[in-house]
Amino acid sequence: MVTHQRNAQDLFAQGTHVMALHVGLMDTDMTAGMNAPKSSPVDVAAQVMDGLEAGELEVLADESSRRVRAALAGPLTELYPNVAR
């Protein structure tokens, strides 16, 4: 994470916009055999373009990504309930 942050800072300094994309499963050949909710690649690409145009620093492309992102602010047991002691 530190390396990514440093690289992002270097890129920002030269005027390059850096944006993180968070997405769970997308409907691709790689996930074709998985029986789980998947995001449309077209919808994700549209969200990325909207985020870039708006100058966003991150795009949370699906509900699972939004849930995980929100849980990062709380106790780890909320993110990983199976490790609760």
Protein backbone atom coordinates (compact mmCIF):
# COMPACT_ATOMS: atom_id res chain seq x y z
CA MET A 1 0.00 0.00 0.00
CA VAL A 2 2.80 2.41 0.82
CA THR A 3 4.38 1.84 -2.60
CA HIS A 4 1.04 2.45 -4.32
CA GLN A 5 0.50 5.63 -2.31
CA ARG A 6 3.99 6.85 -3.16
CA ASN A 7 3.50 6.10 -6.85
CA ALA A 8 0.13 7.85 -6.79
CA GLN A 9 1.67 10.90 -5.13
CA ASP A 10 4.41 11.01 -7.76
CA LEU A 11 1.83 10.81 -10.52
CA PHE A 12 -0.34 13.52 -8.92
CA ALA A 13 2.73 15.74 -8.69
CA GLN A 14 3.22 15.51 -12.45
CA GLY A 15 -0.46 16.26 -13.10
CA THR A 16 -1.63 12.70 -13.76
CA HIS A 17 -5.02 11.80 -12.30
CA VAL A 18 -5.01 8.54 -10.33
CA MET A 19 -8.29 6.82 -9.57
CA ALA A 20 -8.93 3.49 -7.85
CA LEU A 21 -11.60 1.14 -9.18
CA HIS A 22 -13.19 -1.31 -6.75
CA VAL A 23 -15.43 -3.99 -8.20
CA GLY A 24 -16.35 -7.50 -7.17
CA LEU A 25 -17.25 -10.01 -9.85
CA MET A 26 -17.78 -8.82 -13.40
CA ASP A 27 -19.60 -10.79 -16.04
CA THR A 28 -16.63 -11.99 -18.10
CA ASP A 29 -15.38 -15.27 -19.55
CA MET A 30 -13.34 -15.73 -16.38
CA THR A 31 -16.44 -15.71 -14.15
CA ALA A 32 -18.81 -17.47 -16.58
CA GLY A 33 -18.97 -20.63 -14.45
CA MET A 34 -19.67 -18.79 -11.21
CA ASN A 35 -23.21 -18.63 -9.90
CA ALA A 36 -23.06 -15.25 -8.16
CA PRO A 37 -24.16 -11.68 -8.81
CA LYS A 38 -21.90 -10.00 -11.36
CA SER A 39 -21.52 -6.46 -12.63
CA SER A 40 -21.83 -5.67 -16.30
CA PRO A 41 -18.46 -4.62 -17.78
CA VAL A 42 -20.29 -1.94 -19.76
CA ASP A 43 -21.79 -0.50 -16.57
CA VAL A 44 -18.42 -0.57 -14.80
CA ALA A 45 -16.73 1.16 -17.74
CA ALA A 46 -19.42 3.87 -17.70
CA GLN A 47 -18.87 4.40 -13.97
CA VAL A 48 -15.12 4.69 -14.56
CA MET A 49 -15.62 7.30 -17.27
CA ASP A 50 -18.06 9.24 -15.08
CA GLY A 51 -15.58 9.08 -12.20
CA LEU A 52 -12.72 10.32 -14.35
CA GLU A 53 -14.79 13.18 -15.72
CA ALA A 54 -15.82 14.14 -12.17
CA GLY A 55 -12.24 13.97 -10.87
CA GLU A 56 -13.10 11.21 -8.39
CA LEU A 57 -10.32 9.45 -6.50
CA GLU A 58 -12.14 6.13 -6.39
CA VAL A 59 -15.11 4.38 -7.95
CA LEU A 60 -17.05 1.78 -5.98
CA ALA A 61 -18.70 -0.03 -8.86
CA ASP A 62 -20.99 -2.44 -7.04
CA GLU A 63 -22.77 -3.04 -3.76
CA SER A 64 -20.17 -5.50 -2.44
CA SER A 65 -17.41 -2.94 -3.00
CA ARG A 66 -19.43 -0.23 -1.26
CA ARG A 67 -20.12 -2.57 1.67
CA VAL A 68 -16.45 -3.54 2.04
CA ARG A 69 -15.32 0.08 1.73
CA ALA A 70 -17.77 1.15 4.45
CA ALA A 71 -16.68 -1.72 6.70
CA LEU A 72 -13.03 -0.64 6.50
CA ALA A 73 -13.83 2.22 8.86
CA GLY A 74 -15.21 -0.16 11.49
CA PRO A 75 -13.81 -3.03 13.52
CA LEU A 76 -12.23 -5.85 11.52
CA THR A 77 -14.76 -8.27 12.98
CA GLU A 78 -17.44 -6.52 10.92
CA LEU A 79 -15.44 -7.09 7.75
CA TYR A 80 -14.36 -10.60 8.78
CA PRO A 81 -17.07 -11.98 11.11
CA ASN A 82 -15.55 -15.48 11.06
CA VAL A 83 -12.48 -14.27 12.91
CA ALA A 84 -14.40 -12.69 15.80
CA ARG A 85 -13.02 -13.78 19.14
